[in-house]
Every structure is written in structure tokens, then in C-alpha cells.
Amino acid sequence: MVWDAVTDDGSSEILSYSLEVDDGTGGDFTSVIGEQSTYLLQEYTVTSNISKGVLYRFRYKALNVIGWSAYSPIAYIRAATIP
């Protein structure tokens, strides 16, 4: 999944992003990175608890001095084996 950085930051620098994924069955989202610690790297690979052929939902939100943003639109990604 590739996404663009938040551009509407309320005139406040982005301090962190939080990435969440579901379990592949449409259940609750779980934080992958960023919710509990500052995370600003531009690349992150989800490699654990992923099953080939399963459709996963991802979403993210951004943090600035005002607080957390609303969640992004949900992205759907089907897991595949990387050759």
C-alpha cells in the first residue's frame, strides 16, 4: 500500500502516524505501529500474522499538537507471496 503524507495538518507539524490492520475477517483493527510511540519513518512492512490470499483492511491516522486526526479511508490489500 502506498499513501501520501497528510497535507492538511492544521498548520502544525505531524508528530506521528498510527497504522492499523484488521485480522483478515473484517474484525476489529489492531495497532501495528505508532499508537504508543512516535513513528515517522516513511516505510513499514507488515510481515507477521499475515496469511497468503487473505484480504486485509488497513487505515492510518496522524498526530500533531492538536491531537489525533480522523482515520484515513480504509485500504484493502490481499496478501501475496513475494518471490
C-alpha atoms as a PDB file:
ATOM      1  CA  MET A   1       0.000   0.000   0.000  1.00  0.00           C
ATOM      2  CA  VAL A   2       1.361   3.419  -0.874  1.00  0.00           C
ATOM      3  CA  TRP A   3      -0.221   6.552   0.546  1.00  0.00           C
ATOM      4  CA  ASP A   4       0.539  10.233   0.508  1.00  0.00           C
ATOM      5  CA  ALA A   5       1.574  12.082   3.651  1.00  0.00           C
ATOM      6  CA  VAL A   6      -1.093  14.208   5.303  1.00  0.00           C
ATOM      7  CA  THR A   7      -1.216  17.649   3.692  1.00  0.00           C
ATOM      8  CA  ASP A   8      -3.931  19.250   5.812  1.00  0.00           C
ATOM      9  CA  ASP A   9      -2.029  19.384   9.106  1.00  0.00           C
ATOM     10  CA  GLY A  10      -3.866  22.313  10.723  1.00  0.00           C
ATOM     11  CA  SER A  11      -0.671  24.395  10.478  1.00  0.00           C
ATOM     12  CA  SER A  12       1.035  22.064  12.940  1.00  0.00           C
ATOM     13  CA  GLU A  13       3.882  19.658  12.126  1.00  0.00           C
ATOM     14  CA  ILE A  14       2.959  15.965  12.018  1.00  0.00           C
ATOM     15  CA  LEU A  15       4.474  14.278  15.081  1.00  0.00           C
ATOM     16  CA  SER A  16       3.489  10.670  14.433  1.00  0.00           C
ATOM     17  CA  TYR A  17       1.420   8.305  12.336  1.00  0.00           C
ATOM     18  CA  SER A  18      -0.507   5.276  13.566  1.00  0.00           C
ATOM     19  CA  LEU A  19      -1.088   2.317  11.233  1.00  0.00           C
ATOM     20  CA  GLU A  20      -3.790  -0.266  11.983  1.00  0.00           C
ATOM     21  CA  VAL A  21      -4.759  -3.570  10.336  1.00  0.00           C
ATOM     22  CA  ASP A  22      -7.647  -5.980  10.870  1.00  0.00           C
ATOM     23  CA  ASP A  23      -7.347  -9.765  11.254  1.00  0.00           C
ATOM     24  CA  GLY A  24      -8.473 -10.509   7.700  1.00  0.00           C
ATOM     25  CA  THR A  25     -12.008 -11.462   8.729  1.00  0.00           C
ATOM     26  CA  GLY A  26     -13.431  -7.946   8.945  1.00  0.00           C
ATOM     27  CA  GLY A  27     -12.958  -7.804  12.716  1.00  0.00           C
ATOM     28  CA  ASP A  28     -11.544  -5.063  14.892  1.00  0.00           C
ATOM     29  CA  PHE A  29      -8.465  -3.088  13.910  1.00  0.00           C
ATOM     30  CA  THR A  30      -5.195  -3.580  15.807  1.00  0.00           C
ATOM     31  CA  SER A  31      -2.393  -1.038  16.036  1.00  0.00           C
ATOM     32  CA  VAL A  32       0.659  -2.114  14.041  1.00  0.00           C
ATOM     33  CA  ILE A  33       2.878   0.870  14.769  1.00  0.00           C
ATOM     34  CA  GLY A  34       2.699   4.428  16.057  1.00  0.00           C
ATOM     35  CA  GLU A  35      -0.132   4.465  18.576  1.00  0.00           C
ATOM     36  CA  GLN A  36       2.115   4.030  21.620  1.00  0.00           C
ATOM     37  CA  SER A  37       5.276   5.705  20.319  1.00  0.00           C
ATOM     38  CA  THR A  38       6.243   8.373  17.819  1.00  0.00           C
ATOM     39  CA  TYR A  39       6.623   6.882  14.362  1.00  0.00           C
ATOM     40  CA  LEU A  40       7.574   8.927  11.312  1.00  0.00           C
ATOM     41  CA  LEU A  41       9.501   6.530   9.048  1.00  0.00           C
ATOM     42  CA  GLN A  42       8.183   6.511   5.525  1.00  0.00           C
ATOM     43  CA  GLU A  43       8.284   2.735   5.016  1.00  0.00           C
ATOM     44  CA  TYR A  44       6.982  -0.098   7.128  1.00  0.00           C
ATOM     45  CA  THR A  45       6.443  -3.721   6.153  1.00  0.00           C
ATOM     46  CA  VAL A  46       3.826  -5.857   7.896  1.00  0.00           C
ATOM     47  CA  THR A  47       5.170  -9.414   7.906  1.00  0.00           C
ATOM     48  CA  SER A  48       3.734 -11.217  10.933  1.00  0.00           C
ATOM     49  CA  ASN A  49       0.311 -12.823  11.292  1.00  0.00           C
ATOM     50  CA  ILE A  50      -0.382 -12.380   7.569  1.00  0.00           C
ATOM     51  CA  SER A  51      -1.784 -15.274   5.512  1.00  0.00           C
ATOM     52  CA  LYS A  52      -1.422 -15.589   1.740  1.00  0.00           C
ATOM     53  CA  GLY A  53      -4.642 -14.875  -0.158  1.00  0.00           C
ATOM     54  CA  VAL A  54      -6.405 -13.139   2.741  1.00  0.00           C
ATOM     55  CA  LEU A  55      -7.881  -9.658   2.203  1.00  0.00           C
ATOM     56  CA  TYR A  56      -6.794  -7.272   4.968  1.00  0.00           C
ATOM     57  CA  ARG A  57      -8.042  -3.782   5.795  1.00  0.00           C
ATOM     58  CA  PHE A  58      -5.604  -1.017   6.729  1.00  0.00           C
ATOM     59  CA  ARG A  59      -6.117   2.527   7.975  1.00  0.00           C
ATOM     60  CA  TYR A  60      -3.950   5.247   9.481  1.00  0.00           C
ATOM     61  CA  LYS A  61      -4.225   8.491  11.386  1.00  0.00           C
ATOM     62  CA  ALA A  62      -1.814  11.376  12.068  1.00  0.00           C
ATOM     63  CA  LEU A  63      -0.860  13.157  15.277  1.00  0.00           C
ATOM     64  CA  ASN A  64       0.042  16.832  15.722  1.00  0.00           C
ATOM     65  CA  VAL A  65      -0.035  19.160  18.748  1.00  0.00           C
ATOM     66  CA  ILE A  66      -3.825  19.391  18.445  1.00  0.00           C
ATOM     67  CA  GLY A  67      -4.256  15.592  18.730  1.00  0.00           C
ATOM     68  CA  TRP A  68      -5.018  12.606  16.511  1.00  0.00           C
ATOM     69  CA  SER A  69      -6.746  13.120  13.168  1.00  0.00           C
ATOM     70  CA  ALA A  70      -9.705  11.144  11.929  1.00  0.00           C
ATOM     71  CA  TYR A  71      -8.821   7.817  10.298  1.00  0.00           C
ATOM     72  CA  SER A  72      -7.915   7.632   6.638  1.00  0.00           C
ATOM     73  CA  PRO A  73     -10.209   5.863   4.201  1.00  0.00           C
ATOM     74  CA  ILE A  74      -9.765   2.092   4.533  1.00  0.00           C
ATOM     75  CA  ALA A  75      -7.362   0.420   2.090  1.00  0.00           C
ATOM     76  CA  TYR A  76      -7.951  -3.218   1.137  1.00  0.00           C
ATOM     77  CA  ILE A  77      -4.895  -5.370   0.432  1.00  0.00           C
ATOM     78  CA  ARG A  78      -4.799  -9.068  -0.475  1.00  0.00           C
ATOM     79  CA  ALA A  79      -1.688 -10.747   0.925  1.00  0.00           C
ATOM     80  CA  ALA A  80       0.562 -12.446  -1.613  1.00  0.00           C
ATOM     81  CA  THR A  81       3.866 -14.252  -1.526  1.00  0.00           C
ATOM     82  CA  ILE A  82       6.804 -12.102  -2.587  1.00  0.00           C
ATOM     83  CA  PRO A  83       9.101 -14.038  -4.942  1.00  0.00           C
END
